[in-house]
Amino acid sequence: MGNSLKKIGFFGGSFDPVHLGHINLALRIMEQKGLNQVLFCPANISPTKENAPPVAQARHRMNMLQLALEDLPGCDPYDAEIKRDPPSYTVNTLKEIKGELNLIVAEDTAYGFMEWKDIEKVLEIAPPLIGVRHGFDQKKMDIFPSHIKEKLISGMCDIPAMDISSTEIRDRLKKRLYCAHLVQGKVLDYIHQNTIYSSEYG
């Protein structure tokens, strides 16, 4: 039975907005690890970001993901968390998905794992695949119990650096600076059509 389960990467985040760095991370890990599918799941509000909720409404972030992923085979938006009341706990979402799961994160997210609800359960359901762009900081690993540290080390995937931040994109959009090197054209069109991230939005 085990071999017939779909190998699924779960990639959660605010995606505020989704950008080429997110897509690069997911595609590289999908190819390296032979995953059948990657689910991009926008959080309603992440528990670690309750004081700084997403700027764009959940429906807009979902629509941007649909546009960004429509031509990428095996990459799909997943709306389970925006349908639930916040905050969004990854452990609850993972329990709903059928398949052989892995949790996809960038290295900076992995450093904050001890803040996550039921992180032991999360990593048991979905062992991590960590996109490492700049080499993993061994000092930051020392906060983890040894059994979690082992899972993190075994899940490291070296990927080429593509350092893009949603915060930088939002700032550039507000200043009306060029962003097509950071975000797909159709996502930018959607942002402009809906005046998201501009001073008029809200």
C-alpha atoms as a PDB file:
ATOM      1  CA  MET A   1       0.000   0.000   0.000  1.00  0.00           C
ATOM      2  CA  GLY A   2       2.776   2.445   1.024  1.00  0.00           C
ATOM      3  CA  ASN A   3       4.138   2.785  -2.524  1.00  0.00           C
ATOM      4  CA  SER A   4       0.745   3.742  -3.948  1.00  0.00           C
ATOM      5  CA  LEU A   5       0.467   6.851  -1.750  1.00  0.00           C
ATOM      6  CA  LYS A   6       1.080  10.128  -3.520  1.00  0.00           C
ATOM      7  CA  LYS A   7       4.269  11.900  -2.393  1.00  0.00           C
ATOM      8  CA  ILE A   8       3.061  15.344  -1.425  1.00  0.00           C
ATOM      9  CA  GLY A   9       5.030  18.386  -0.312  1.00  0.00           C
ATOM     10  CA  PHE A  10       3.092  20.770   1.932  1.00  0.00           C
ATOM     11  CA  PHE A  11       4.240  24.373   1.588  1.00  0.00           C
ATOM     12  CA  GLY A  12       2.511  26.819   3.916  1.00  0.00           C
ATOM     13  CA  GLY A  13       2.999  30.546   4.296  1.00  0.00           C
ATOM     14  CA  SER A  14       1.356  33.946   4.027  1.00  0.00           C
ATOM     15  CA  PHE A  15       2.153  34.249   0.286  1.00  0.00           C
ATOM     16  CA  ASP A  16       1.613  38.004   0.622  1.00  0.00           C
ATOM     17  CA  PRO A  17       2.270  38.011  -2.335  1.00  0.00           C
ATOM     18  CA  VAL A  18       3.514  34.729  -3.809  1.00  0.00           C
ATOM     19  CA  HIS A  19       6.814  35.391  -5.616  1.00  0.00           C
ATOM     20  CA  LEU A  20       9.462  33.652  -7.727  1.00  0.00           C
ATOM     21  CA  GLY A  21      11.477  32.714  -4.621  1.00  0.00           C
ATOM     22  CA  HIS A  22       8.558  30.604  -3.337  1.00  0.00           C
ATOM     23  CA  ILE A  23       8.193  28.892  -6.700  1.00  0.00           C
ATOM     24  CA  ASN A  24      11.937  28.268  -7.062  1.00  0.00           C
ATOM     25  CA  LEU A  25      12.059  26.652  -3.599  1.00  0.00           C
ATOM     26  CA  ALA A  26       9.076  24.384  -4.231  1.00  0.00           C
ATOM     27  CA  LEU A  27      10.128  23.291  -7.728  1.00  0.00           C
ATOM     28  CA  ARG A  28      13.740  22.555  -6.770  1.00  0.00           C
ATOM     29  CA  ILE A  29      12.677  20.419  -3.797  1.00  0.00           C
ATOM     30  CA  MET A  30       9.947  18.693  -5.829  1.00  0.00           C
ATOM     31  CA  GLU A  31      12.511  17.713  -8.479  1.00  0.00           C
ATOM     32  CA  GLN A  32      15.250  16.701  -6.013  1.00  0.00           C
ATOM     33  CA  LYS A  33      12.953  14.523  -3.919  1.00  0.00           C
ATOM     34  CA  GLY A  34      10.673  13.123  -6.632  1.00  0.00           C
ATOM     35  CA  LEU A  35       7.460  14.534  -5.166  1.00  0.00           C
ATOM     36  CA  ASN A  36       4.256  14.051  -7.143  1.00  0.00           C
ATOM     37  CA  GLN A  37       2.671  17.267  -5.962  1.00  0.00           C
ATOM     38  CA  VAL A  38       3.321  20.405  -3.916  1.00  0.00           C
ATOM     39  CA  LEU A  39       0.373  22.036  -2.128  1.00  0.00           C
ATOM     40  CA  PHE A  40       0.808  25.784  -1.561  1.00  0.00           C
ATOM     41  CA  CYS A  41      -1.374  26.570   1.442  1.00  0.00           C
ATOM     42  CA  PRO A  42      -1.892  30.218   2.399  1.00  0.00           C
ATOM     43  CA  ALA A  43      -2.364  30.750   6.129  1.00  0.00           C
ATOM     44  CA  ASN A  44      -5.399  32.698   7.270  1.00  0.00           C
ATOM     45  CA  ILE A  45      -3.202  34.251   9.959  1.00  0.00           C
ATOM     46  CA  SER A  46      -0.065  32.450  11.107  1.00  0.00           C
ATOM     47  CA  PRO A  47       0.125  32.052  14.911  1.00  0.00           C
ATOM     48  CA  THR A  48       3.671  33.449  14.814  1.00  0.00           C
ATOM     49  CA  LYS A  49       2.451  36.549  12.935  1.00  0.00           C
ATOM     50  CA  GLU A  50      -0.729  37.443  14.828  1.00  0.00           C
ATOM     51  CA  ASN A  51       0.665  40.922  15.553  1.00  0.00           C
ATOM     52  CA  ALA A  52       1.435  41.426  11.859  1.00  0.00           C
ATOM     53  CA  PRO A  53      -1.355  39.767   9.851  1.00  0.00           C
ATOM     54  CA  PRO A  54      -1.153  39.557   6.046  1.00  0.00           C
ATOM     55  CA  VAL A  55      -1.749  42.810   4.178  1.00  0.00           C
ATOM     56  CA  ALA A  56      -3.774  41.213   1.364  1.00  0.00           C
ATOM     57  CA  GLN A  57      -7.102  39.561   2.137  1.00  0.00           C
ATOM     58  CA  ALA A  58      -7.098  35.758   2.080  1.00  0.00           C
ATOM     59  CA  ARG A  59      -9.184  35.571  -1.129  1.00  0.00           C
ATOM     60  CA  HIS A  60      -6.691  37.794  -2.955  1.00  0.00           C
ATOM     61  CA  ARG A  61      -3.730  35.713  -1.782  1.00  0.00           C
ATOM     62  CA  MET A  62      -5.538  32.568  -2.953  1.00  0.00           C
ATOM     63  CA  ASN A  63      -6.337  34.127  -6.342  1.00  0.00           C
ATOM     64  CA  MET A  64      -2.699  35.198  -6.773  1.00  0.00           C
ATOM     65  CA  LEU A  65      -1.564  31.638  -6.003  1.00  0.00           C
ATOM     66  CA  GLN A  66      -3.984  30.226  -8.567  1.00  0.00           C
ATOM     67  CA  LEU A  67      -2.580  32.547 -11.217  1.00  0.00           C
ATOM     68  CA  ALA A  68       1.034  31.835 -10.230  1.00  0.00           C
ATOM     69  CA  LEU A  69       0.628  28.054 -10.294  1.00  0.00           C
ATOM     70  CA  GLU A  70      -1.735  27.472 -13.216  1.00  0.00           C
ATOM     71  CA  ASP A  71       1.098  26.599 -15.645  1.00  0.00           C
ATOM     72  CA  LEU A  72       3.233  24.626 -13.167  1.00  0.00           C
ATOM     73  CA  PRO A  73       2.536  20.885 -13.286  1.00  0.00           C
ATOM     74  CA  GLY A  74       2.185  19.310  -9.854  1.00  0.00           C
ATOM     75  CA  CYS A  75       1.938  22.646  -8.009  1.00  0.00           C
ATOM     76  CA  ASP A  76      -1.506  23.449  -6.655  1.00  0.00           C
ATOM     77  CA  PRO A  77      -3.091  25.997  -4.314  1.00  0.00           C
ATOM     78  CA  TYR A  78      -4.761  24.513  -1.219  1.00  0.00           C
ATOM     79  CA  ASP A  79      -7.375  26.564   0.622  1.00  0.00           C
ATOM     80  CA  ALA A  80      -7.954  24.564   3.835  1.00  0.00           C
ATOM     81  CA  GLU A  81      -6.509  27.194   6.178  1.00  0.00           C
ATOM     82  CA  ILE A  82      -8.237  30.263   4.760  1.00  0.00           C
ATOM     83  CA  LYS A  83     -11.561  28.417   5.152  1.00  0.00           C
ATOM     84  CA  ARG A  84     -10.941  27.955   8.887  1.00  0.00           C
ATOM     85  CA  ASP A  85     -10.975  30.604  11.578  1.00  0.00           C
ATOM     86  CA  PRO A  86      -7.498  31.895  12.426  1.00  0.00           C
ATOM     87  CA  PRO A  87      -4.910  31.256  13.689  1.00  0.00           C
ATOM     88  CA  SER A  88      -3.746  28.615  11.192  1.00  0.00           C
ATOM     89  CA  TYR A  89      -2.012  25.640  12.783  1.00  0.00           C
ATOM     90  CA  THR A  90      -0.063  23.458  10.352  1.00  0.00           C
ATOM     91  CA  VAL A  91      -0.587  20.360  12.501  1.00  0.00           C
ATOM     92  CA  ASN A  92      -4.369  20.541  11.995  1.00  0.00           C
ATOM     93  CA  THR A  93      -4.057  20.955   8.240  1.00  0.00           C
ATOM     94  CA  LEU A  94      -1.595  18.085   7.799  1.00  0.00           C
ATOM     95  CA  LYS A  95      -3.978  15.678   9.551  1.00  0.00           C
ATOM     96  CA  GLU A  96      -6.547  16.305   6.791  1.00  0.00           C
ATOM     97  CA  ILE A  97      -4.300  15.430   3.831  1.00  0.00           C
ATOM     98  CA  LYS A  98      -4.068  11.881   2.510  1.00  0.00           C
ATOM     99  CA  GLY A  99      -0.673  10.918   1.135  1.00  0.00           C
ATOM    100  CA  GLU A 100       2.977  10.499   2.033  1.00  0.00           C
ATOM    101  CA  LEU A 101       3.695  13.989   3.314  1.00  0.00           C
ATOM    102  CA  ASN A 102       6.746  16.200   3.618  1.00  0.00           C
ATOM    103  CA  LEU A 103       6.821  19.717   5.013  1.00  0.00           C
ATOM    104  CA  ILE A 104       8.576  22.174   2.680  1.00  0.00           C
ATOM    105  CA  VAL A 105      10.217  25.184   4.319  1.00  0.00           C
ATOM    106  CA  ALA A 106      13.129  27.570   3.753  1.00  0.00           C
ATOM    107  CA  GLU A 107      15.965  27.439   6.270  1.00  0.00           C
ATOM    108  CA  ASP A 108      14.912  30.677   8.017  1.00  0.00           C
ATOM    109  CA  THR A 109      11.490  29.155   8.749  1.00  0.00           C
ATOM    110  CA  ALA A 110      13.066  25.964  10.111  1.00  0.00           C
ATOM    111  CA  TYR A 111      15.038  27.957  12.699  1.00  0.00           C
ATOM    112  CA  GLY A 112      11.708  28.982  14.259  1.00  0.00           C
ATOM    113  CA  PHE A 113      10.234  25.474  14.539  1.00  0.00           C
ATOM    114  CA  MET A 114      10.246  25.478  18.351  1.00  0.00           C
ATOM    115  CA  GLU A 115       7.556  28.200  18.273  1.00  0.00           C
ATOM    116  CA  TRP A 116       5.191  25.955  16.295  1.00  0.00           C
ATOM    117  CA  LYS A 117       2.229  24.211  17.895  1.00  0.00           C
ATOM    118  CA  ASP A 118       2.896  20.442  18.288  1.00  0.00           C
ATOM    119  CA  ILE A 119       6.099  20.596  16.234  1.00  0.00           C
ATOM    120  CA  GLU A 120       6.930  16.989  17.197  1.00  0.00           C
ATOM    121  CA  LYS A 121       3.618  15.846  15.698  1.00  0.00           C
ATOM    122  CA  VAL A 122       4.094  18.050  12.616  1.00  0.00           C
ATOM    123  CA  LEU A 123       7.495  16.503  11.843  1.00  0.00           C
ATOM    124  CA  GLU A 124       6.176  13.009  12.546  1.00  0.00           C
ATOM    125  CA  ILE A 125       3.311  13.424  10.045  1.00  0.00           C
ATOM    126  CA  ALA A 126       5.430  15.328   7.509  1.00  0.00           C
ATOM    127  CA  PRO A 127       9.235  15.044   7.811  1.00  0.00           C
ATOM    128  CA  PRO A 128      10.802  18.350   6.763  1.00  0.00           C
ATOM    129  CA  LEU A 129      12.452  19.146   3.449  1.00  0.00           C
ATOM    130  CA  ILE A 130      14.429  22.324   4.023  1.00  0.00           C
ATOM    131  CA  GLY A 131      15.550  24.500   1.149  1.00  0.00           C
ATOM    132  CA  VAL A 132      19.043  25.612   2.209  1.00  0.00           C
ATOM    133  CA  ARG A 133      20.295  28.577   0.235  1.00  0.00           C
ATOM    134  CA  HIS A 134      23.246  29.771   2.309  1.00  0.00           C
ATOM    135  CA  GLY A 135      24.366  26.745   4.319  1.00  0.00           C
ATOM    136  CA  PHE A 136      22.621  25.824   7.546  1.00  0.00           C
ATOM    137  CA  ASP A 137      23.662  27.751  10.670  1.00  0.00           C
ATOM    138  CA  GLN A 138      24.856  25.046  13.067  1.00  0.00           C
ATOM    139  CA  LYS A 139      24.667  27.400  16.059  1.00  0.00           C
ATOM    140  CA  LYS A 140      20.956  27.884  15.489  1.00  0.00           C
ATOM    141  CA  MET A 141      20.553  24.085  15.476  1.00  0.00           C
ATOM    142  CA  ASP A 142      21.668  23.855  19.110  1.00  0.00           C
ATOM    143  CA  ILE A 143      18.240  24.900  20.432  1.00  0.00           C
ATOM    144  CA  PHE A 144      16.657  21.713  19.058  1.00  0.00           C
ATOM    145  CA  PRO A 145      16.400  18.388  20.897  1.00  0.00           C
ATOM    146  CA  SER A 146      18.620  15.790  19.215  1.00  0.00           C
ATOM    147  CA  HIS A 147      15.751  13.807  17.606  1.00  0.00           C
ATOM    148  CA  ILE A 148      14.401  16.961  15.925  1.00  0.00           C
ATOM    149  CA  LYS A 149      17.904  18.046  14.917  1.00  0.00           C
ATOM    150  CA  GLU A 150      18.385  14.673  13.174  1.00  0.00           C
ATOM    151  CA  LYS A 151      15.177  15.176  11.159  1.00  0.00           C
ATOM    152  CA  LEU A 152      16.261  18.662  10.144  1.00  0.00           C
ATOM    153  CA  ILE A 153      19.719  17.535   9.046  1.00  0.00           C
ATOM    154  CA  SER A 154      18.368  14.605   7.033  1.00  0.00           C
ATOM    155  CA  GLY A 155      15.852  16.879   5.299  1.00  0.00           C
ATOM    156  CA  MET A 156      18.292  19.505   4.050  1.00  0.00           C
ATOM    157  CA  CYS A 157      18.146  20.218   0.319  1.00  0.00           C
ATOM    158  CA  ASP A 158      20.734  22.549  -1.225  1.00  0.00           C
ATOM    159  CA  ILE A 159      19.082  24.925  -3.665  1.00  0.00           C
ATOM    160  CA  PRO A 160      20.408  27.970  -5.546  1.00  0.00           C
ATOM    161  CA  ALA A 161      19.783  31.193  -3.636  1.00  0.00           C
ATOM    162  CA  MET A 162      16.977  33.400  -4.870  1.00  0.00           C
ATOM    163  CA  ASP A 163      16.624  35.930  -2.091  1.00  0.00           C
ATOM    164  CA  ILE A 164      13.274  37.623  -2.511  1.00  0.00           C
ATOM    165  CA  SER A 165      11.082  38.827   0.317  1.00  0.00           C
ATOM    166  CA  SER A 166       7.379  39.622   0.212  1.00  0.00           C
ATOM    167  CA  THR A 167       8.094  42.637   2.445  1.00  0.00           C
ATOM    168  CA  GLU A 168      10.512  44.056  -0.127  1.00  0.00           C
ATOM    169  CA  ILE A 169       7.981  43.467  -2.916  1.00  0.00           C
ATOM    170  CA  ARG A 170       5.227  45.257  -0.997  1.00  0.00           C
ATOM    171  CA  ASP A 171       7.561  48.202  -0.381  1.00  0.00           C
ATOM    172  CA  ARG A 172       8.545  48.365  -4.056  1.00  0.00           C
ATOM    173  CA  LEU A 173       4.906  48.210  -5.172  1.00  0.00           C
ATOM    174  CA  LYS A 174       3.992  51.041  -2.817  1.00  0.00           C
ATOM    175  CA  LYS A 175       6.796  53.113  -4.331  1.00  0.00           C
ATOM    176  CA  ARG A 176       5.674  52.055  -7.847  1.00  0.00           C
ATOM    177  CA  LEU A 177       9.026  50.459  -8.592  1.00  0.00           C
ATOM    178  CA  TYR A 178       9.563  47.687 -11.159  1.00  0.00           C
ATOM    179  CA  CYS A 179       8.798  44.197  -9.752  1.00  0.00           C
ATOM    180  CA  ALA A 180       8.597  41.842 -12.732  1.00  0.00           C
ATOM    181  CA  HIS A 181      12.002  40.345 -11.829  1.00  0.00           C
ATOM    182  CA  LEU A 182      10.485  39.213  -8.504  1.00  0.00           C
ATOM    183  CA  VAL A 183       6.846  38.343  -9.270  1.00  0.00           C
ATOM    184  CA  GLN A 184       5.188  36.754 -12.313  1.00  0.00           C
ATOM    185  CA  GLY A 185       3.536  39.177 -14.720  1.00  0.00           C
ATOM    186  CA  LYS A 186       0.022  37.800 -14.292  1.00  0.00           C
ATOM    187  CA  VAL A 187       0.291  38.103 -10.512  1.00  0.00           C
ATOM    188  CA  LEU A 188       1.493  41.707 -10.884  1.00  0.00           C
ATOM    189  CA  ASP A 189      -1.434  42.428 -13.214  1.00  0.00           C
ATOM    190  CA  TYR A 190      -3.828  41.073 -10.585  1.00  0.00           C
ATOM    191  CA  ILE A 191      -2.171  43.193  -7.854  1.00  0.00           C
ATOM    192  CA  HIS A 192      -2.524  46.348  -9.977  1.00  0.00           C
ATOM    193  CA  GLN A 193      -6.102  45.580 -11.054  1.00  0.00           C
ATOM    194  CA  ASN A 194      -7.152  45.159  -7.423  1.00  0.00           C
ATOM    195  CA  THR A 195      -4.924  47.967  -6.061  1.00  0.00           C
ATOM    196  CA  ILE A 196      -3.424  45.560  -3.503  1.00  0.00           C
ATOM    197  CA  TYR A 197      -0.401  46.900  -1.572  1.00  0.00           C
ATOM    198  CA  SER A 198      -1.050  50.445  -2.806  1.00  0.00           C
ATOM    199  CA  SER A 199      -1.850  53.236  -0.374  1.00  0.00           C
ATOM    200  CA  GLU A 200      -5.543  53.078  -1.438  1.00  0.00           C
ATOM    201  CA  TYR A 201      -5.907  49.393  -0.463  1.00  0.00           C
ATOM    202  CA  GLY A 202      -7.731  48.414   2.699  1.00  0.00           C
END
